[in-house]
């Protein structure tokens, strides 16, 4: 599906978006990852847009963290 370079980019974006998220919030991280992955699967490749999508997913994720 994705080449190793794209996978590394998606992982880096996920890590950046979730850098302040506590480790135990794995469900939130999975939610953010799925939204970033959905966008990439639809053809989104802009780093800034993928970050924006990830941040929006983080802001709307159901959690007790906020």
C-alpha atoms as a PDB file:
ATOM      1  CA  UNK A   1       0.000   0.000   0.000  1.00  0.00           C
ATOM      2  CA  UNK A   2       2.572   2.615   1.110  1.00  0.00           C
ATOM      3  CA  UNK A   3       6.292   2.565   0.493  1.00  0.00           C
ATOM      4  CA  UNK A   4       8.685   2.612   3.466  1.00  0.00           C
ATOM      5  CA  UNK A   5       9.406   6.323   2.992  1.00  0.00           C
ATOM      6  CA  UNK A   6       5.702   7.230   3.219  1.00  0.00           C
ATOM      7  CA  UNK A   7       5.241   4.986   6.260  1.00  0.00           C
ATOM      8  CA  UNK A   8       8.141   6.756   7.974  1.00  0.00           C
ATOM      9  CA  UNK A   9       6.594  10.136   7.122  1.00  0.00           C
ATOM     10  CA  UNK A  10       3.175   9.125   8.477  1.00  0.00           C
ATOM     11  CA  UNK A  11       4.775   7.799  11.657  1.00  0.00           C
ATOM     12  CA  UNK A  12       6.758  11.023  12.128  1.00  0.00           C
ATOM     13  CA  UNK A  13       3.598  13.103  11.698  1.00  0.00           C
ATOM     14  CA  UNK A  14       1.738  10.923  14.201  1.00  0.00           C
ATOM     15  CA  UNK A  15       4.572  11.239  16.720  1.00  0.00           C
ATOM     16  CA  UNK A  16       4.697  15.014  16.302  1.00  0.00           C
ATOM     17  CA  UNK A  17       0.936  15.455  16.644  1.00  0.00           C
ATOM     18  CA  UNK A  18       0.816  13.197  19.723  1.00  0.00           C
ATOM     19  CA  UNK A  19       4.044  14.347  21.384  1.00  0.00           C
ATOM     20  CA  UNK A  20       2.253  15.824  24.427  1.00  0.00           C
ATOM     21  CA  UNK A  21      -0.185  12.941  24.774  1.00  0.00           C
ATOM     22  CA  UNK A  22       0.306  10.711  27.832  1.00  0.00           C
ATOM     23  CA  UNK A  23       1.557   7.201  26.988  1.00  0.00           C
ATOM     24  CA  UNK A  24      -1.538   5.491  28.372  1.00  0.00           C
ATOM     25  CA  UNK A  25      -3.796   7.281  25.857  1.00  0.00           C
ATOM     26  CA  UNK A  26      -3.355   4.552  23.248  1.00  0.00           C
ATOM     27  CA  UNK A  27      -6.964   4.796  22.102  1.00  0.00           C
ATOM     28  CA  UNK A  28      -6.559   8.478  21.288  1.00  0.00           C
ATOM     29  CA  UNK A  29      -3.297   7.805  19.473  1.00  0.00           C
ATOM     30  CA  UNK A  30      -5.005   5.056  17.449  1.00  0.00           C
ATOM     31  CA  UNK A  31      -7.836   7.479  16.582  1.00  0.00           C
ATOM     32  CA  UNK A  32      -5.379  10.103  15.354  1.00  0.00           C
ATOM     33  CA  UNK A  33      -3.404   7.489  13.415  1.00  0.00           C
ATOM     34  CA  UNK A  34      -6.532   6.220  11.693  1.00  0.00           C
ATOM     35  CA  UNK A  35      -7.531   9.723  10.560  1.00  0.00           C
ATOM     36  CA  UNK A  36      -4.050  10.437   9.207  1.00  0.00           C
ATOM     37  CA  UNK A  37      -4.007   7.073   7.451  1.00  0.00           C
ATOM     38  CA  UNK A  38      -7.481   7.619   5.959  1.00  0.00           C
ATOM     39  CA  UNK A  39      -6.339  10.932   4.497  1.00  0.00           C
ATOM     40  CA  UNK A  40      -3.147   9.419   3.095  1.00  0.00           C
ATOM     41  CA  UNK A  41      -5.125   6.548   1.578  1.00  0.00           C
ATOM     42  CA  UNK A  42      -7.350   9.099  -0.190  1.00  0.00           C
ATOM     43  CA  UNK A  43      -4.198  10.573  -1.731  1.00  0.00           C
ATOM     44  CA  UNK A  44      -3.360  13.403   0.666  1.00  0.00           C
ATOM     45  CA  UNK A  45       0.410  13.798   0.683  1.00  0.00           C
ATOM     46  CA  UNK A  46       0.946  17.334   1.948  1.00  0.00           C
ATOM     47  CA  UNK A  47       2.791  17.189   5.257  1.00  0.00           C
ATOM     48  CA  UNK A  48       1.030  20.308   6.514  1.00  0.00           C
ATOM     49  CA  UNK A  49      -2.411  18.966   5.600  1.00  0.00           C
ATOM     50  CA  UNK A  50      -1.690  15.613   7.236  1.00  0.00           C
ATOM     51  CA  UNK A  51      -0.559  17.426  10.405  1.00  0.00           C
ATOM     52  CA  UNK A  52      -3.705  19.558  10.329  1.00  0.00           C
ATOM     53  CA  UNK A  53      -5.857  16.441   9.973  1.00  0.00           C
ATOM     54  CA  UNK A  54      -3.993  14.770  12.837  1.00  0.00           C
ATOM     55  CA  UNK A  55      -4.388  17.808  15.096  1.00  0.00           C
ATOM     56  CA  UNK A  56      -8.103  18.010  14.305  1.00  0.00           C
ATOM     57  CA  UNK A  57      -8.482  14.317  15.150  1.00  0.00           C
ATOM     58  CA  UNK A  58      -6.616  14.852  18.419  1.00  0.00           C
ATOM     59  CA  UNK A  59      -8.855  17.772  19.338  1.00  0.00           C
ATOM     60  CA  UNK A  60     -12.032  15.767  18.734  1.00  0.00           C
ATOM     61  CA  UNK A  61     -10.926  12.400  20.123  1.00  0.00           C
ATOM     62  CA  UNK A  62     -13.004  11.097  23.008  1.00  0.00           C
ATOM     63  CA  UNK A  63     -10.733  11.141  26.056  1.00  0.00           C
ATOM     64  CA  UNK A  64     -10.462  12.064  29.687  1.00  0.00           C
ATOM     65  CA  UNK A  65      -7.068  13.655  28.955  1.00  0.00           C
ATOM     66  CA  UNK A  66      -8.467  17.092  28.045  1.00  0.00           C
END
